[in-house]
Amino acid sequence: MTTKIGFIGTGVMGTGMVNNLLAAGQDVTVFNRTKVHAEALLDAGAKWADSPAALTRVSDVIISIVGFPKDVEEVYFSESGVFAGSHPGLTIIDMTTGSPETAKKIDAEARSREDVTSLDAPVSGGDIGAKEGTLTIMVGGSRDTFDKMLPIFQLMGHSIALFGPAGSGQNMKMANQIMIAGTMTGMTEMLVYARAAGLNLPQALKTIEGGAAANWSLSNYGPRILQKDYTPGFFAKHFLKDLHIALNEAAQMHLQLPGTAEAEHLYDVMVNEDGLGDLGTQGLIKLWWPNE
């Protein structure tokens, strides 16, 4: 069944996701702050709208995946935002990684309008998952809306779960990012140690992948580091934003997460002191290997 989908955000993640929607025959209209970044999708068959409000008026489902909390606020609540163009029958799916509070705010605004529903549905899997349609999608919202949107989610991901009411998808994504913080710092320090010990790094990666220390970060970002490839599957500056959110949420729960706090510190140095926020998260290695 073809659905009129409006997609906001055609960056590293959004481009792969829209390509999969188009490949499945969906009717997709896109908006991006910088139109040139959407040209490849327009060439592939997507349509263009000049604002989120204009996009919403011609769509039955809105999907957004943008960078920072301020971008989400602008996309939804500005004078030219999604809610300025909302109409009965609209479903909103924000797939940006953000705060549970923002997800609840969007949901409350949707509920205040006639027959408008929303889901928060952040993703994991990076640029590879977006391109290959194998994202993990973590959803918060009502079961009815989730069930209706599941066929669309299945065009973009293969591990899809509803975790509870609005905000629950974002809380699950924070749990995911806490885990990634550990695997990224562990992989980085492993490589630093292995090189200093004179070990063969490709062989070290292969060996670790076959044992109990195997993990996604190692398999996907370890080889990129050895090839000196720091292109972003996920921007370091966005990961730092996620760690800020995770630690803020943890503080509200009266939790201390020292490992995550140290990862936040390291990424803060990388992004704000060394100016490397536009590199991928694997660029953390440059704190030890600045000339690589």
Protein backbone atom coordinates (compact mmCIF):
# COMPACT_ATOMS: atom_id res chain seq x y z
CA MET A 1 0.00 0.00 0.00
CA THR A 2 1.37 3.40 -1.00
CA THR A 3 1.43 6.09 1.68
CA LYS A 4 2.05 9.81 1.22
CA ILE A 5 5.13 10.27 3.39
CA GLY A 6 6.75 13.60 4.20
CA PHE A 7 10.37 13.18 5.23
CA ILE A 8 12.32 15.93 7.04
CA GLY A 9 16.12 15.63 7.18
CA THR A 10 18.14 14.26 4.28
CA GLY A 11 21.52 13.91 5.93
CA VAL A 12 23.65 10.79 6.36
CA MET A 13 20.81 8.80 7.90
CA GLY A 14 17.81 10.32 6.16
CA THR A 15 19.16 9.78 2.66
CA GLY A 16 19.47 6.02 3.13
CA MET A 17 16.06 5.80 4.77
CA VAL A 18 14.31 7.75 2.00
CA ASN A 19 16.00 5.66 -0.67
CA ASN A 20 14.52 2.54 0.91
CA LEU A 21 11.07 4.11 1.06
CA LEU A 22 11.32 5.09 -2.61
CA ALA A 23 12.57 1.63 -3.58
CA ALA A 24 9.45 0.18 -1.95
CA GLY A 25 7.23 2.40 -4.11
CA GLN A 26 6.23 4.92 -1.44
CA ASP A 27 5.17 8.46 -2.39
CA VAL A 28 7.83 10.56 -0.61
CA THR A 29 8.11 14.35 -0.39
CA VAL A 30 11.18 15.73 1.36
CA PHE A 31 12.28 18.89 3.11
CA ASN A 32 15.79 19.75 4.19
CA ARG A 33 17.19 23.02 5.46
CA THR A 34 19.70 22.96 2.58
CA LYS A 35 18.02 21.83 -0.63
CA VAL A 36 21.25 20.82 -2.35
CA HIS A 37 21.62 18.01 0.18
CA ALA A 38 18.36 16.55 -1.10
CA GLU A 39 19.23 16.66 -4.82
CA ALA A 40 20.18 12.98 -5.05
CA LEU A 41 16.82 11.99 -3.57
CA LEU A 42 14.94 14.33 -5.91
CA ASP A 43 16.76 12.68 -8.80
CA ALA A 44 15.68 9.30 -7.40
CA GLY A 45 12.00 10.29 -7.47
CA ALA A 46 11.27 12.18 -4.27
CA LYS A 47 9.27 15.40 -4.41
CA TRP A 48 10.21 18.67 -2.71
CA ALA A 49 8.37 20.95 -0.28
CA ASP A 50 9.57 24.40 0.77
CA SER A 51 8.84 24.07 4.50
CA PRO A 52 7.79 21.49 7.08
CA ALA A 53 4.29 23.01 7.09
CA ALA A 54 3.96 22.72 3.31
CA LEU A 55 5.29 19.17 3.50
CA THR A 56 2.76 18.24 6.17
CA ARG A 57 -0.19 19.56 4.19
CA VAL A 58 0.46 17.04 1.39
CA SER A 59 1.42 14.08 3.62
CA ASP A 60 -0.39 11.43 5.64
CA VAL A 61 2.73 10.50 7.62
CA ILE A 62 5.58 12.81 8.68
CA ILE A 63 8.99 11.31 9.46
CA SER A 64 11.78 13.51 10.81
CA ILE A 65 15.41 12.81 11.58
CA VAL A 66 17.41 15.98 12.24
CA GLY A 67 20.46 16.91 14.29
CA PHE A 68 19.84 18.61 17.62
CA PRO A 69 16.95 19.30 20.06
CA LYS A 70 16.68 22.89 18.81
CA ASP A 71 16.20 21.53 15.28
CA VAL A 72 13.35 19.30 16.44
CA GLU A 73 11.67 22.24 18.19
CA GLU A 74 11.95 24.34 15.03
CA VAL A 75 10.71 21.58 12.75
CA TYR A 76 7.58 20.99 14.81
CA PHE A 77 6.70 24.21 16.61
CA SER A 78 7.89 27.12 14.44
CA GLU A 79 5.49 29.23 12.36
CA SER A 80 6.39 27.10 9.32
CA GLY A 81 6.64 23.86 11.28
CA VAL A 82 4.78 20.58 11.12
CA PHE A 83 2.00 21.60 13.48
CA ALA A 84 1.31 24.69 11.37
CA GLY A 85 0.32 22.31 8.57
CA SER A 86 -1.26 19.49 10.58
CA HIS A 87 -4.61 18.02 9.60
CA PRO A 88 -6.93 15.21 10.71
CA GLY A 89 -5.52 11.77 9.92
CA LEU A 90 -1.88 12.84 10.25
CA THR A 91 0.68 10.61 11.96
CA ILE A 92 3.97 12.10 13.15
CA ILE A 93 7.09 9.98 13.64
CA ASP A 94 10.15 11.74 15.02
CA MET A 95 13.17 9.47 14.51
CA THR A 96 15.71 11.99 15.76
CA THR A 97 17.57 10.95 18.88
CA GLY A 98 16.40 13.46 21.47
CA SER A 99 15.04 13.86 24.95
CA PRO A 100 12.01 11.97 26.29
CA GLU A 101 10.59 15.34 27.36
CA THR A 102 10.56 16.64 23.79
CA ALA A 103 8.87 13.45 22.63
CA LYS A 104 6.17 13.94 25.26
CA LYS A 105 5.74 17.59 24.21
CA ILE A 106 5.21 16.58 20.58
CA ASP A 107 2.78 13.87 21.64
CA ALA A 108 0.79 16.26 23.83
CA GLU A 109 0.50 18.76 20.99
CA ALA A 110 -0.61 16.01 18.61
CA ARG A 111 -3.23 14.80 21.08
CA SER A 112 -4.60 18.33 21.39
CA ARG A 113 -5.52 18.25 17.70
CA GLU A 114 -8.25 16.35 15.93
CA ASP A 115 -7.16 12.86 14.85
CA VAL A 116 -3.40 13.53 14.96
CA THR A 117 -1.11 10.86 16.44
CA SER A 118 2.60 10.67 17.12
CA LEU A 119 5.43 8.23 17.83
CA ASP A 120 9.01 8.78 18.94
CA ALA A 121 11.14 6.26 17.08
CA PRO A 122 14.89 6.84 17.28
CA VAL A 123 17.15 4.43 15.45
CA SER A 124 20.48 2.66 15.76
CA GLY A 125 22.63 1.19 13.03
CA GLY A 126 24.43 4.18 11.55
CA ASP A 127 24.84 4.96 7.88
CA ILE A 128 25.19 1.28 6.99
CA GLY A 129 21.91 0.36 8.65
CA ALA A 130 20.15 3.31 7.02
CA LYS A 131 21.46 2.38 3.58
CA GLU A 132 20.73 -1.33 3.87
CA GLY A 133 17.36 -0.97 5.60
CA THR A 134 18.54 -2.85 8.68
CA LEU A 135 18.09 -0.20 11.35
CA THR A 136 17.04 -0.98 14.89
CA ILE A 137 13.98 1.15 15.64
CA MET A 138 12.96 1.91 19.23
CA VAL A 139 9.42 3.23 19.54
CA GLY A 140 7.34 5.10 22.10
CA GLY A 141 3.62 5.79 21.71
CA SER A 142 0.31 4.00 21.48
CA ARG A 143 0.05 0.38 20.37
CA ASP A 144 -2.61 1.23 17.77
CA THR A 145 -0.44 3.85 16.09
CA PHE A 146 2.60 1.56 16.26
CA ASP A 147 0.72 -1.26 14.59
CA LYS A 148 -0.49 1.04 11.80
CA MET A 149 3.01 2.36 11.16
CA LEU A 150 4.80 -1.00 11.43
CA PRO A 151 4.73 -1.67 7.64
CA ILE A 152 6.56 1.66 7.10
CA PHE A 153 9.09 0.89 9.82
CA GLN A 154 9.75 -2.47 8.20
CA LEU A 155 10.90 -0.71 5.03
CA MET A 156 13.70 0.95 7.02
CA GLY A 157 14.61 -1.53 9.75
CA HIS A 158 14.54 -5.14 10.84
CA SER A 159 14.53 -4.93 14.64
CA ILE A 160 11.50 -2.87 15.67
CA ALA A 161 9.92 -2.74 19.10
CA LEU A 162 7.44 -0.66 21.06
CA PHE A 163 8.67 0.12 24.58
CA GLY A 164 5.76 2.04 26.08
CA PRO A 165 4.07 5.46 25.95
CA ALA A 166 5.51 8.65 24.47
CA GLY A 167 9.15 9.12 25.41
CA SER A 168 9.86 5.42 25.84
CA GLY A 169 11.58 5.13 22.48
CA GLN A 170 13.93 7.94 23.45
CA ASN A 171 14.65 6.32 26.81
CA MET A 172 15.50 3.08 25.04
CA LYS A 173 17.81 4.98 22.66
CA MET A 174 19.59 6.52 25.64
CA ALA A 175 20.17 3.02 27.03
CA ASN A 176 21.54 2.08 23.61
CA GLN A 177 23.88 5.08 23.53
CA ILE A 178 25.16 4.28 27.01
CA MET A 179 26.15 0.85 25.71
CA ILE A 180 27.80 2.34 22.60
CA ALA A 181 29.78 4.75 24.79
CA GLY A 182 31.42 1.74 26.38
CA THR A 183 32.11 -0.11 23.15
CA MET A 184 33.57 2.97 21.42
CA THR A 185 35.93 3.83 24.26
CA GLY A 186 36.83 0.16 24.68
CA MET A 187 37.61 -0.26 20.98
CA THR A 188 39.68 2.92 20.93
CA GLU A 189 41.74 2.02 23.97
CA MET A 190 42.20 -1.53 22.69
CA LEU A 191 43.73 -0.22 19.45
CA VAL A 192 45.95 2.23 21.33
CA TYR A 193 47.19 -0.54 23.61
CA ALA A 194 47.64 -3.10 20.82
CA ARG A 195 49.72 -0.71 18.71
CA ALA A 196 51.90 0.28 21.68
CA ALA A 197 52.47 -3.42 22.37
CA GLY A 198 53.64 -3.95 18.79
CA LEU A 199 50.71 -6.17 17.77
CA ASN A 200 49.44 -6.58 14.22
CA LEU A 201 46.27 -4.44 14.27
CA PRO A 202 44.29 -6.16 11.47
CA GLN A 203 45.02 -9.51 13.14
CA ALA A 204 44.01 -8.07 16.50
CA LEU A 205 40.64 -6.98 15.09
CA LYS A 206 40.05 -10.38 13.51
CA THR A 207 40.94 -12.20 16.72
CA ILE A 208 38.73 -10.05 18.96
CA GLU A 209 35.80 -10.39 16.56
CA GLY A 210 35.95 -14.15 17.13
CA GLY A 211 35.75 -13.96 20.90
CA ALA A 212 33.74 -12.63 23.81
CA ALA A 213 34.79 -9.01 23.15
CA ALA A 214 33.16 -8.93 19.70
CA ASN A 215 30.80 -5.98 19.19
CA TRP A 216 29.23 -3.82 16.46
CA SER A 217 31.53 -0.84 16.99
CA LEU A 218 34.60 -3.03 16.62
CA SER A 219 33.36 -4.72 13.44
CA ASN A 220 32.14 -1.57 11.72
CA TYR A 221 34.49 1.16 12.94
CA GLY A 222 37.69 -0.72 13.68
CA PRO A 223 38.45 -1.32 9.98
CA ARG A 224 37.64 2.31 9.16
CA ILE A 225 40.19 3.49 11.70
CA LEU A 226 42.88 1.25 10.22
CA GLN A 227 42.06 2.72 6.79
CA LYS A 228 42.19 6.26 8.25
CA ASP A 229 38.55 6.69 7.22
CA TYR A 230 36.81 9.09 9.57
CA THR A 231 33.79 9.88 7.41
CA PRO A 232 30.71 9.99 9.62
CA GLY A 233 28.46 7.01 9.86
CA PHE A 234 27.34 9.01 12.87
CA PHE A 235 28.71 12.47 13.65
CA ALA A 236 30.79 12.77 16.81
CA LYS A 237 29.01 16.04 17.62
CA HIS A 238 25.66 14.25 17.54
CA PHE A 239 26.94 11.45 19.75
CA LEU A 240 28.16 14.01 22.28
CA LYS A 241 24.66 15.51 22.25
CA ASP A 242 23.22 12.06 22.95
CA LEU A 243 25.56 11.50 25.88
CA HIS A 244 24.55 14.88 27.34
CA ILE A 245 20.90 13.80 27.16
CA ALA A 246 21.60 10.36 28.63
CA LEU A 247 23.47 11.81 31.60
CA ASN A 248 20.82 14.48 32.19
CA GLU A 249 18.11 11.83 32.20
CA ALA A 250 20.20 9.64 34.51
CA ALA A 251 20.65 12.56 36.93
CA GLN A 252 16.88 13.01 37.09
CA MET A 253 16.66 9.32 38.09
CA HIS A 254 19.37 9.90 40.74
CA LEU A 255 21.76 7.61 38.87
CA GLN A 256 25.50 7.97 38.51
CA LEU A 257 27.01 6.52 35.32
CA PRO A 258 30.76 7.08 35.61
CA GLY A 259 31.70 5.15 32.47
CA THR A 260 29.28 7.19 30.38
CA ALA A 261 30.48 10.39 32.03
CA GLU A 262 34.06 9.60 31.05
CA ALA A 263 32.98 8.88 27.45
CA GLU A 264 31.17 12.22 27.42
CA HIS A 265 34.35 13.93 28.62
CA LEU A 266 36.44 12.31 25.88
CA TYR A 267 33.97 13.22 23.14
CA ASP A 268 33.72 16.73 24.54
CA VAL A 269 37.49 17.09 24.15
CA MET A 270 37.29 15.71 20.61
CA VAL A 271 34.40 17.96 19.56
CA ASN A 272 34.88 21.19 21.48
CA GLU A 273 38.61 21.35 22.19
CA ASP A 274 40.01 19.64 19.09
CA GLY A 275 37.26 20.80 16.71
CA LEU A 276 36.61 17.33 15.27
CA GLY A 277 32.83 17.17 15.71
CA ASP A 278 32.16 16.64 12.00
CA LEU A 279 34.15 13.40 11.99
CA GLY A 280 32.51 10.09 12.67
CA THR A 281 32.50 8.70 16.20
CA GLN A 282 35.52 6.56 15.28
CA GLY A 283 37.52 9.81 15.17
CA LEU A 284 37.88 9.47 18.94
CA ILE A 285 41.14 7.64 18.18
CA LYS A 286 42.63 11.01 17.21
CA LEU A 287 42.91 11.92 20.88
CA TRP A 288 45.76 9.38 20.90
CA TRP A 289 46.76 9.35 17.23
CA PRO A 290 46.30 13.00 16.16
CA ASN A 291 48.25 12.61 12.91
CA GLU A 292 46.43 9.52 11.66
